[in-house]
Amino acid sequence: MCPSILQRYRLNLSERAADSKQEDRGLGERAARDERHRRTAVVTPRWAMGGAIAASLATGLVIGGQLPSDAPVRSVRGQLVASGALDAALTTQPTSAPEDRRPVKILLSFKDNGGRYCRGFASGTTSGIACRTDGSWALFRTWASSLAEGGEYRQAGSASADIMAAAQDMARSEALDSKEEQAAILVRWTEDVAFNG
């Protein structure tokens, strides 16, 4: 081989090696840059997704808290309590007359053995006994409703006998009379004004 061909071959090999190192260095830098991008791309979407979820939850809580609830019962700290029309009836409505056509009938009012005001009620889907607890009407006993559509009292399968029997077991003394009940309604069932039984 002629020195010029050998030199040319060596030069070509060294150029290729240099080009290869340049490419390797370029690939290494590119790979490092891609790895950094991959790491930050994974962290950023997770953080952004967490922020979006938190913002959605906060928005839902704000909007949901402002919407009126038509449900007659809700859960507060694991206790079923009256809400909406049922809460309003238990708080403001006197014991119902048989001809009363309101959606919630108040059957009786009494004080239980613990001194709480309690009321028996019958509504479209639920009948039961609720007692005033921490400013709400907590449901202690419930049965299938005894009201037909239109507020008419249904005798067959009526839960009123069950309500009256349960009230008798729970009551400290007799049911409140109309004057005692009206006095309790006026103070929204918060003071012991009805009787000292």
C-alpha atoms as a PDB file:
ATOM      1  CA  MET A   1       0.000   0.000   0.000  1.00  0.00           C
ATOM      2  CA  CYS A   2       1.100   3.362  -0.802  1.00  0.00           C
ATOM      3  CA  PRO A   3       1.544   5.768   2.110  1.00  0.00           C
ATOM      4  CA  SER A   4      -0.905   8.178   0.672  1.00  0.00           C
ATOM      5  CA  ILE A   5      -3.648   5.549   0.514  1.00  0.00           C
ATOM      6  CA  LEU A   6      -2.806   4.375   4.022  1.00  0.00           C
ATOM      7  CA  GLN A   7      -2.750   7.929   5.283  1.00  0.00           C
ATOM      8  CA  ARG A   8      -5.985   8.605   3.519  1.00  0.00           C
ATOM      9  CA  TYR A   9      -7.512   5.458   5.056  1.00  0.00           C
ATOM     10  CA  ARG A  10      -6.281   6.419   8.552  1.00  0.00           C
ATOM     11  CA  LEU A  11      -7.509   9.933   8.049  1.00  0.00           C
ATOM     12  CA  ASN A  12     -10.856   8.589   6.934  1.00  0.00           C
ATOM     13  CA  LEU A  13     -10.998   6.276   9.978  1.00  0.00           C
ATOM     14  CA  SER A  14     -10.066   9.084  12.331  1.00  0.00           C
ATOM     15  CA  GLU A  15     -12.658  11.351  10.728  1.00  0.00           C
ATOM     16  CA  ARG A  16     -15.261   8.647  11.100  1.00  0.00           C
ATOM     17  CA  ALA A  17     -14.273   8.120  14.720  1.00  0.00           C
ATOM     18  CA  ALA A  18     -14.445  11.852  15.338  1.00  0.00           C
ATOM     19  CA  ASP A  19     -17.813  12.052  13.613  1.00  0.00           C
ATOM     20  CA  SER A  20     -18.997   9.059  15.623  1.00  0.00           C
ATOM     21  CA  LYS A  21     -17.836  10.668  18.876  1.00  0.00           C
ATOM     22  CA  GLN A  22     -19.515  13.884  17.819  1.00  0.00           C
ATOM     23  CA  GLU A  23     -22.723  11.960  17.140  1.00  0.00           C
ATOM     24  CA  ASP A  24     -22.365  10.077  20.434  1.00  0.00           C
ATOM     25  CA  ARG A  25     -21.818  13.336  22.260  1.00  0.00           C
ATOM     26  CA  GLY A  26     -24.800  14.796  20.420  1.00  0.00           C
ATOM     27  CA  LEU A  27     -26.887  11.753  21.257  1.00  0.00           C
ATOM     28  CA  GLY A  28     -25.723  11.908  24.855  1.00  0.00           C
ATOM     29  CA  GLU A  29     -26.665  15.551  25.154  1.00  0.00           C
ATOM     30  CA  ARG A  30     -29.903  14.896  23.319  1.00  0.00           C
ATOM     31  CA  ALA A  31     -30.614  11.866  25.514  1.00  0.00           C
ATOM     32  CA  ALA A  32     -29.870  13.877  28.665  1.00  0.00           C
ATOM     33  CA  ARG A  33     -32.090  16.702  27.416  1.00  0.00           C
ATOM     34  CA  ASP A  34     -34.844  14.193  26.560  1.00  0.00           C
ATOM     35  CA  GLU A  35     -34.516  12.586  30.010  1.00  0.00           C
ATOM     36  CA  ARG A  36     -34.775  15.983  31.731  1.00  0.00           C
ATOM     37  CA  HIS A  37     -37.800  16.818  29.597  1.00  0.00           C
ATOM     38  CA  ARG A  38     -39.380  13.448  30.364  1.00  0.00           C
ATOM     39  CA  ARG A  39     -38.895  13.934  34.113  1.00  0.00           C
ATOM     40  CA  THR A  40     -40.321  17.446  34.151  1.00  0.00           C
ATOM     41  CA  ALA A  41     -43.110  16.468  31.762  1.00  0.00           C
ATOM     42  CA  VAL A  42     -44.227  13.748  34.194  1.00  0.00           C
ATOM     43  CA  VAL A  43     -44.102  15.988  37.276  1.00  0.00           C
ATOM     44  CA  THR A  44     -45.791  18.981  35.693  1.00  0.00           C
ATOM     45  CA  PRO A  45     -48.907  17.136  34.450  1.00  0.00           C
ATOM     46  CA  ARG A  46     -49.322  15.395  37.814  1.00  0.00           C
ATOM     47  CA  TRP A  47     -49.139  18.695  39.645  1.00  0.00           C
ATOM     48  CA  ALA A  48     -51.379  20.369  37.098  1.00  0.00           C
ATOM     49  CA  MET A  49     -53.864  17.500  37.283  1.00  0.00           C
ATOM     50  CA  GLY A  50     -53.893  17.658  41.091  1.00  0.00           C
ATOM     51  CA  GLY A  51     -54.500  21.396  40.953  1.00  0.00           C
ATOM     52  CA  ALA A  52     -57.306  20.935  38.440  1.00  0.00           C
ATOM     53  CA  ILE A  53     -58.934  18.270  40.607  1.00  0.00           C
ATOM     54  CA  ALA A  54     -58.691  20.481  43.696  1.00  0.00           C
ATOM     55  CA  ALA A  55     -60.150  23.448  41.813  1.00  0.00           C
ATOM     56  CA  SER A  56     -63.013  21.308  40.496  1.00  0.00           C
ATOM     57  CA  LEU A  57     -63.752  19.970  43.969  1.00  0.00           C
ATOM     58  CA  ALA A  58     -63.748  23.462  45.487  1.00  0.00           C
ATOM     59  CA  THR A  59     -66.044  24.737  42.730  1.00  0.00           C
ATOM     60  CA  GLY A  60     -68.412  21.810  43.247  1.00  0.00           C
ATOM     61  CA  LEU A  61     -68.552  22.412  46.988  1.00  0.00           C
ATOM     62  CA  VAL A  62     -69.268  26.111  46.559  1.00  0.00           C
ATOM     63  CA  ILE A  63     -71.933  25.600  43.904  1.00  0.00           C
ATOM     64  CA  GLY A  64     -73.402  22.530  45.601  1.00  0.00           C
ATOM     65  CA  GLY A  65     -73.668  24.368  48.896  1.00  0.00           C
ATOM     66  CA  GLN A  66     -75.719  27.097  47.247  1.00  0.00           C
ATOM     67  CA  LEU A  67     -78.221  24.802  45.547  1.00  0.00           C
ATOM     68  CA  PRO A  68     -81.464  24.177  47.404  1.00  0.00           C
ATOM     69  CA  SER A  69     -81.975  20.637  48.601  1.00  0.00           C
ATOM     70  CA  ASP A  70     -85.425  19.133  48.200  1.00  0.00           C
ATOM     71  CA  ALA A  71     -84.467  15.921  49.961  1.00  0.00           C
ATOM     72  CA  PRO A  72     -86.488  15.466  53.167  1.00  0.00           C
ATOM     73  CA  VAL A  73     -83.584  13.751  54.928  1.00  0.00           C
ATOM     74  CA  ARG A  74     -79.813  14.276  54.910  1.00  0.00           C
ATOM     75  CA  SER A  75     -76.914  12.827  56.864  1.00  0.00           C
ATOM     76  CA  VAL A  76     -74.967  14.962  59.343  1.00  0.00           C
ATOM     77  CA  ARG A  77     -72.023  13.308  61.115  1.00  0.00           C
ATOM     78  CA  GLY A  78     -73.584   9.889  60.543  1.00  0.00           C
ATOM     79  CA  GLN A  79     -77.035  10.868  61.860  1.00  0.00           C
ATOM     80  CA  LEU A  80     -80.082  11.181  59.601  1.00  0.00           C
ATOM     81  CA  VAL A  81     -81.692  14.583  60.084  1.00  0.00           C
ATOM     82  CA  ALA A  82     -84.765  16.228  58.588  1.00  0.00           C
ATOM     83  CA  SER A  83     -84.225  18.824  55.878  1.00  0.00           C
ATOM     84  CA  GLY A  84     -86.303  20.844  53.446  1.00  0.00           C
ATOM     85  CA  ALA A  85     -90.079  20.564  53.820  1.00  0.00           C
ATOM     86  CA  LEU A  86     -89.837  17.914  56.549  1.00  0.00           C
ATOM     87  CA  ASP A  87     -87.587  20.120  58.694  1.00  0.00           C
ATOM     88  CA  ALA A  88     -89.895  23.110  58.153  1.00  0.00           C
ATOM     89  CA  ALA A  89     -92.976  21.081  59.118  1.00  0.00           C
ATOM     90  CA  LEU A  90     -91.337  19.642  62.239  1.00  0.00           C
ATOM     91  CA  THR A  91     -90.188  23.107  63.306  1.00  0.00           C
ATOM     92  CA  THR A  92     -93.259  25.226  62.545  1.00  0.00           C
ATOM     93  CA  GLN A  93     -96.327  23.068  61.981  1.00  0.00           C
ATOM     94  CA  PRO A  94     -98.740  22.197  64.815  1.00  0.00           C
ATOM     95  CA  THR A  95    -100.181  18.721  65.221  1.00  0.00           C
ATOM     96  CA  SER A  96    -102.279  17.992  62.140  1.00  0.00           C
ATOM     97  CA  ALA A  97    -106.012  17.558  62.086  1.00  0.00           C
ATOM     98  CA  PRO A  98    -107.283  14.468  60.226  1.00  0.00           C
ATOM     99  CA  GLU A  99    -108.556  16.630  57.343  1.00  0.00           C
ATOM    100  CA  ASP A 100    -105.197  18.424  56.972  1.00  0.00           C
ATOM    101  CA  ARG A 101    -103.938  18.023  53.375  1.00  0.00           C
ATOM    102  CA  ARG A 102    -100.361  19.273  53.861  1.00  0.00           C
ATOM    103  CA  PRO A 103     -97.611  16.992  52.541  1.00  0.00           C
ATOM    104  CA  VAL A 104     -96.267  16.379  56.066  1.00  0.00           C
ATOM    105  CA  LYS A 105     -98.679  15.496  58.866  1.00  0.00           C
ATOM    106  CA  ILE A 106     -97.524  16.029  62.437  1.00  0.00           C
ATOM    107  CA  LEU A 107     -99.088  13.263  64.509  1.00  0.00           C
ATOM    108  CA  LEU A 108     -97.943  14.270  68.001  1.00  0.00           C
ATOM    109  CA  SER A 109     -95.324  16.166  70.004  1.00  0.00           C
ATOM    110  CA  PHE A 110     -93.728  14.959  73.245  1.00  0.00           C
ATOM    111  CA  LYS A 111     -90.566  15.015  75.344  1.00  0.00           C
ATOM    112  CA  ASP A 112     -88.474  11.871  75.438  1.00  0.00           C
ATOM    113  CA  ASN A 113     -86.858  10.375  78.553  1.00  0.00           C
ATOM    114  CA  GLY A 114     -83.755  12.501  77.900  1.00  0.00           C
ATOM    115  CA  GLY A 115     -85.783  15.734  77.862  1.00  0.00           C
ATOM    116  CA  ARG A 116     -85.585  16.345  74.103  1.00  0.00           C
ATOM    117  CA  TYR A 117     -88.587  17.512  72.123  1.00  0.00           C
ATOM    118  CA  CYS A 118     -89.750  14.796  69.718  1.00  0.00           C
ATOM    119  CA  ARG A 119     -92.445  14.732  67.058  1.00  0.00           C
ATOM    120  CA  GLY A 120     -94.187  11.917  65.231  1.00  0.00           C
ATOM    121  CA  PHE A 121     -94.773  12.611  61.533  1.00  0.00           C
ATOM    122  CA  ALA A 122     -96.081  11.055  58.331  1.00  0.00           C
ATOM    123  CA  SER A 123     -95.083  12.261  54.871  1.00  0.00           C
ATOM    124  CA  GLY A 124     -95.166  11.054  51.272  1.00  0.00           C
ATOM    125  CA  THR A 125     -92.452   8.418  51.615  1.00  0.00           C
ATOM    126  CA  THR A 126     -91.412   8.306  55.260  1.00  0.00           C
ATOM    127  CA  SER A 127     -93.131   8.261  58.611  1.00  0.00           C
ATOM    128  CA  GLY A 128     -91.326   8.322  61.898  1.00  0.00           C
ATOM    129  CA  ILE A 129     -90.180  10.068  65.030  1.00  0.00           C
ATOM    130  CA  ALA A 130     -87.676  12.908  65.001  1.00  0.00           C
ATOM    131  CA  CYS A 131     -86.179  14.509  68.117  1.00  0.00           C
ATOM    132  CA  ARG A 132     -84.611  17.954  68.419  1.00  0.00           C
ATOM    133  CA  THR A 133     -80.859  17.439  68.739  1.00  0.00           C
ATOM    134  CA  ASP A 134     -78.226  20.180  68.363  1.00  0.00           C
ATOM    135  CA  GLY A 135     -80.591  22.477  66.476  1.00  0.00           C
ATOM    136  CA  SER A 136     -81.776  19.821  64.008  1.00  0.00           C
ATOM    137  CA  TRP A 137     -84.506  17.198  63.906  1.00  0.00           C
ATOM    138  CA  ALA A 138     -82.653  13.870  64.160  1.00  0.00           C
ATOM    139  CA  LEU A 139     -84.621  10.865  62.886  1.00  0.00           C
ATOM    140  CA  PHE A 140     -84.687   8.109  65.484  1.00  0.00           C
ATOM    141  CA  ARG A 141     -87.390   5.822  64.126  1.00  0.00           C
ATOM    142  CA  THR A 142     -88.738   5.572  60.585  1.00  0.00           C
ATOM    143  CA  TRP A 143     -91.339   3.461  58.794  1.00  0.00           C
ATOM    144  CA  ALA A 144     -92.815   3.221  55.323  1.00  0.00           C
ATOM    145  CA  SER A 145     -95.183   6.118  54.755  1.00  0.00           C
ATOM    146  CA  SER A 146     -98.841   5.993  55.666  1.00  0.00           C
ATOM    147  CA  LEU A 147     -99.949   8.889  53.466  1.00  0.00           C
ATOM    148  CA  ALA A 148    -101.625   8.363  50.128  1.00  0.00           C
ATOM    149  CA  GLU A 149    -101.184  10.868  47.313  1.00  0.00           C
ATOM    150  CA  GLY A 150    -102.815  14.198  48.049  1.00  0.00           C
ATOM    151  CA  GLY A 151    -102.125  13.922  51.794  1.00  0.00           C
ATOM    152  CA  GLU A 152    -105.033  11.583  52.490  1.00  0.00           C
ATOM    153  CA  TYR A 153    -104.518   9.336  55.463  1.00  0.00           C
ATOM    154  CA  ARG A 154    -104.357   5.660  54.533  1.00  0.00           C
ATOM    155  CA  GLN A 155    -105.707   3.332  57.240  1.00  0.00           C
ATOM    156  CA  ALA A 156    -104.547  -0.006  55.835  1.00  0.00           C
ATOM    157  CA  GLY A 157    -100.844  -0.515  56.500  1.00  0.00           C
ATOM    158  CA  SER A 158    -100.672   2.760  58.393  1.00  0.00           C
ATOM    159  CA  ALA A 159     -97.497   3.386  60.372  1.00  0.00           C
ATOM    160  CA  SER A 160     -99.323   5.657  62.843  1.00  0.00           C
ATOM    161  CA  ALA A 161     -99.895   2.799  65.299  1.00  0.00           C
ATOM    162  CA  ASP A 162     -96.163   2.021  65.208  1.00  0.00           C
ATOM    163  CA  ILE A 163     -95.348   5.699  65.722  1.00  0.00           C
ATOM    164  CA  MET A 164     -97.729   5.989  68.673  1.00  0.00           C
ATOM    165  CA  ALA A 165     -96.342   2.810  70.286  1.00  0.00           C
ATOM    166  CA  ALA A 166     -92.746   3.984  69.828  1.00  0.00           C
ATOM    167  CA  ALA A 167     -93.627   7.434  71.189  1.00  0.00           C
ATOM    168  CA  GLN A 168     -95.147   5.811  74.259  1.00  0.00           C
ATOM    169  CA  ASP A 169     -91.899   3.898  74.843  1.00  0.00           C
ATOM    170  CA  MET A 170     -89.776   7.021  74.339  1.00  0.00           C
ATOM    171  CA  ALA A 171     -91.935   9.616  76.133  1.00  0.00           C
ATOM    172  CA  ARG A 172     -91.204  10.984  79.563  1.00  0.00           C
ATOM    173  CA  SER A 173     -94.921  11.689  80.091  1.00  0.00           C
ATOM    174  CA  GLU A 174     -98.035  12.555  78.080  1.00  0.00           C
ATOM    175  CA  ALA A 175     -97.926  14.174  74.635  1.00  0.00           C
ATOM    176  CA  LEU A 176     -97.829  17.967  74.563  1.00  0.00           C
ATOM    177  CA  ASP A 177    -101.204  19.679  74.441  1.00  0.00           C
ATOM    178  CA  SER A 178    -101.854  22.404  71.858  1.00  0.00           C
ATOM    179  CA  LYS A 179    -100.773  25.262  74.186  1.00  0.00           C
ATOM    180  CA  GLU A 180     -97.504  23.540  75.125  1.00  0.00           C
ATOM    181  CA  GLU A 181     -96.842  22.710  71.496  1.00  0.00           C
ATOM    182  CA  GLN A 182     -97.526  26.289  70.347  1.00  0.00           C
ATOM    183  CA  ALA A 183     -95.173  27.652  73.030  1.00  0.00           C
ATOM    184  CA  ALA A 184     -92.413  25.296  71.828  1.00  0.00           C
ATOM    185  CA  ILE A 185     -93.038  26.273  68.185  1.00  0.00           C
ATOM    186  CA  LEU A 186     -92.709  29.970  69.081  1.00  0.00           C
ATOM    187  CA  VAL A 187     -89.199  29.419  70.470  1.00  0.00           C
ATOM    188  CA  ARG A 188     -88.379  26.961  67.664  1.00  0.00           C
ATOM    189  CA  TRP A 189     -88.103  24.053  70.097  1.00  0.00           C
ATOM    190  CA  THR A 190     -85.016  25.533  71.773  1.00  0.00           C
ATOM    191  CA  GLU A 191     -86.208  26.209  75.329  1.00  0.00           C
ATOM    192  CA  ASP A 192     -87.988  24.150  77.923  1.00  0.00           C
ATOM    193  CA  VAL A 193     -91.160  26.232  77.924  1.00  0.00           C
ATOM    194  CA  ALA A 194     -93.743  23.602  77.096  1.00  0.00           C
ATOM    195  CA  PHE A 195     -93.938  21.793  80.398  1.00  0.00           C
ATOM    196  CA  ASN A 196     -91.893  20.557  83.312  1.00  0.00           C
ATOM    197  CA  GLY A 197     -92.872  16.891  83.033  1.00  0.00           C
END
